[in-house]
Amino acid sequence: MIPQQLVASLFALALVSLGAAVAGLYTGPRESYRSFWFMCGIWGAIDGVIAWTSFLQEPLPLDELRNVLAINLALQAIYLPLGLILATRSKPALKGLGWGILVQAVALGVIDAYFYAKCGGLL
């Protein structure tokens, strides 16, 4: 049950990210907004591909899923500083990309941490 809930959450995040990116790219006039929404769309597309392929496969056993989630949480040590570095740049495009990374990384981190704890992992 937990793997299916995780995949459904990831798919929902992908749909929200892609929908928001389309709307934001359509209406976002400034370069920083365009790059923010573009980054959200890229993450949404990747999340969608991962979720869709997971729908088509047998669910992972909880111990394997916990290991995958632990790796994903460790990747936050790359995503968050990278997002912060880019968000503090002076170029609007880099600033938008940085904020896009931060928003998506935090959203994925919350999902991963929640399901890691549900799988019996310690946070």
Protein backbone atom coordinates (compact mmCIF):
# COMPACT_ATOMS: atom_id res chain seq x y z
CA MET A 1 0.00 0.00 0.00
CA ILE A 2 2.81 2.44 0.88
CA PRO A 3 4.56 2.15 -2.52
CA GLN A 4 1.31 2.90 -4.36
CA GLN A 5 0.65 5.92 -2.12
CA LEU A 6 4.15 7.20 -2.79
CA VAL A 7 3.76 6.80 -6.56
CA ALA A 8 0.36 8.51 -6.45
CA SER A 9 1.86 11.41 -4.45
CA LEU A 10 4.74 11.73 -6.90
CA PHE A 11 2.35 11.65 -9.85
CA ALA A 12 0.17 14.32 -8.22
CA LEU A 13 3.23 16.51 -7.66
CA ALA A 14 4.21 15.99 -11.30
CA LEU A 15 0.77 17.05 -12.53
CA VAL A 16 0.70 20.12 -10.30
CA SER A 17 4.24 21.08 -11.34
CA LEU A 18 3.52 20.63 -15.03
CA GLY A 19 0.20 22.46 -14.85
CA ALA A 20 1.70 25.34 -12.91
CA ALA A 21 4.65 25.48 -15.30
CA VAL A 22 2.39 25.72 -18.34
CA ALA A 23 0.30 28.45 -16.72
CA GLY A 24 3.38 30.27 -15.42
CA LEU A 25 5.24 30.12 -18.72
CA TYR A 26 2.17 31.41 -20.50
CA THR A 27 1.71 34.37 -18.16
CA GLY A 28 5.21 34.96 -16.74
CA PRO A 29 6.59 38.04 -18.49
CA ARG A 30 9.92 38.41 -16.67
CA GLU A 31 12.96 36.26 -17.28
CA SER A 32 13.25 35.13 -13.66
CA TYR A 33 9.63 33.91 -13.70
CA ARG A 34 10.10 32.11 -17.00
CA SER A 35 13.17 30.28 -15.73
CA PHE A 36 11.40 29.42 -12.45
CA TRP A 37 8.42 27.90 -14.27
CA PHE A 38 10.68 26.20 -16.78
CA MET A 39 12.59 24.48 -13.93
CA CYS A 40 9.30 23.45 -12.29
CA GLY A 41 8.21 21.95 -15.61
CA ILE A 42 11.45 20.01 -16.00
CA TRP A 43 11.14 18.56 -12.50
CA GLY A 44 7.47 17.82 -13.10
CA ALA A 45 8.27 15.96 -16.32
CA ILE A 46 10.96 13.88 -14.61
CA ASP A 47 8.68 13.13 -11.65
CA GLY A 48 5.93 12.15 -14.07
CA VAL A 49 8.16 9.73 -15.97
CA ILE A 50 9.35 8.15 -12.72
CA ALA A 51 5.78 7.84 -11.41
CA TRP A 52 4.42 6.47 -14.68
CA THR A 53 7.12 3.80 -14.98
CA SER A 54 6.52 2.91 -11.32
CA PHE A 55 2.81 2.43 -12.05
CA LEU A 56 3.75 -0.14 -14.68
CA GLN A 57 6.06 -2.17 -12.43
CA GLU A 58 5.61 -4.34 -9.38
CA PRO A 59 5.92 -2.29 -6.16
CA LEU A 60 9.28 -2.42 -4.41
CA PRO A 61 9.47 -4.25 -1.09
CA LEU A 62 9.47 -1.82 1.83
CA ASP A 63 13.15 -2.35 2.68
CA GLU A 64 14.21 -1.55 -0.91
CA LEU A 65 11.84 1.41 -1.05
CA ARG A 66 13.28 2.72 2.22
CA ASN A 67 16.79 2.55 0.67
CA VAL A 68 15.65 4.44 -2.44
CA LEU A 69 14.01 7.10 -0.26
CA ALA A 70 17.18 7.39 1.86
CA ILE A 71 19.20 8.05 -1.30
CA ASN A 72 16.64 10.63 -2.44
CA LEU A 73 16.84 12.36 0.93
CA ALA A 74 20.65 12.37 0.75
CA LEU A 75 20.40 14.08 -2.64
CA GLN A 76 18.83 17.03 -0.82
CA ALA A 77 22.41 17.84 0.25
CA ILE A 78 23.05 18.65 -3.43
CA TYR A 79 19.71 20.15 -4.49
CA LEU A 80 19.26 22.63 -1.65
CA PRO A 81 22.73 24.25 -1.72
CA LEU A 82 22.66 24.35 -5.53
CA GLY A 83 19.26 26.01 -5.46
CA LEU A 84 20.45 28.52 -2.86
CA ILE A 85 23.58 29.34 -4.84
CA LEU A 86 21.61 29.92 -8.03
CA ALA A 87 18.85 31.87 -6.25
CA THR A 88 21.43 34.35 -4.95
CA ARG A 89 22.95 35.08 -8.38
CA SER A 90 22.40 38.45 -9.99
CA LYS A 91 21.20 37.15 -13.37
CA PRO A 92 17.41 36.84 -13.35
CA ALA A 93 17.45 33.53 -15.25
CA LEU A 94 19.77 31.90 -12.71
CA LYS A 95 17.77 33.35 -9.83
CA GLY A 96 14.57 31.82 -11.24
CA LEU A 97 16.23 28.45 -11.84
CA GLY A 98 17.52 28.46 -8.25
CA TRP A 99 14.09 29.18 -6.80
CA GLY A 100 12.60 26.48 -9.03
CA ILE A 101 15.10 23.95 -7.72
CA LEU A 102 14.45 24.97 -4.12
CA VAL A 103 10.66 24.71 -4.39
CA GLN A 104 10.74 21.34 -6.12
CA ALA A 105 13.47 19.94 -3.85
CA VAL A 106 11.54 20.92 -0.72
CA ALA A 107 8.32 19.38 -2.08
CA LEU A 108 10.09 16.14 -2.98
CA GLY A 109 11.97 16.15 0.32
CA VAL A 110 8.73 16.37 2.28
CA ILE A 111 7.20 13.51 0.30
CA ASP A 112 10.35 11.38 0.61
CA ALA A 113 10.72 12.05 4.35
CA TYR A 114 7.07 11.23 5.01
CA PHE A 115 7.20 7.93 3.16
CA TYR A 116 10.63 7.09 4.58
CA ALA A 117 9.15 7.42 8.06
CA LYS A 118 6.11 5.38 7.01
CA CYS A 119 8.43 2.60 5.78
CA GLY A 120 9.92 2.36 9.24
CA GLY A 121 12.98 4.54 8.65
CA LEU A 122 14.24 6.99 11.21
CA LEU A 123 14.46 10.63 10.23
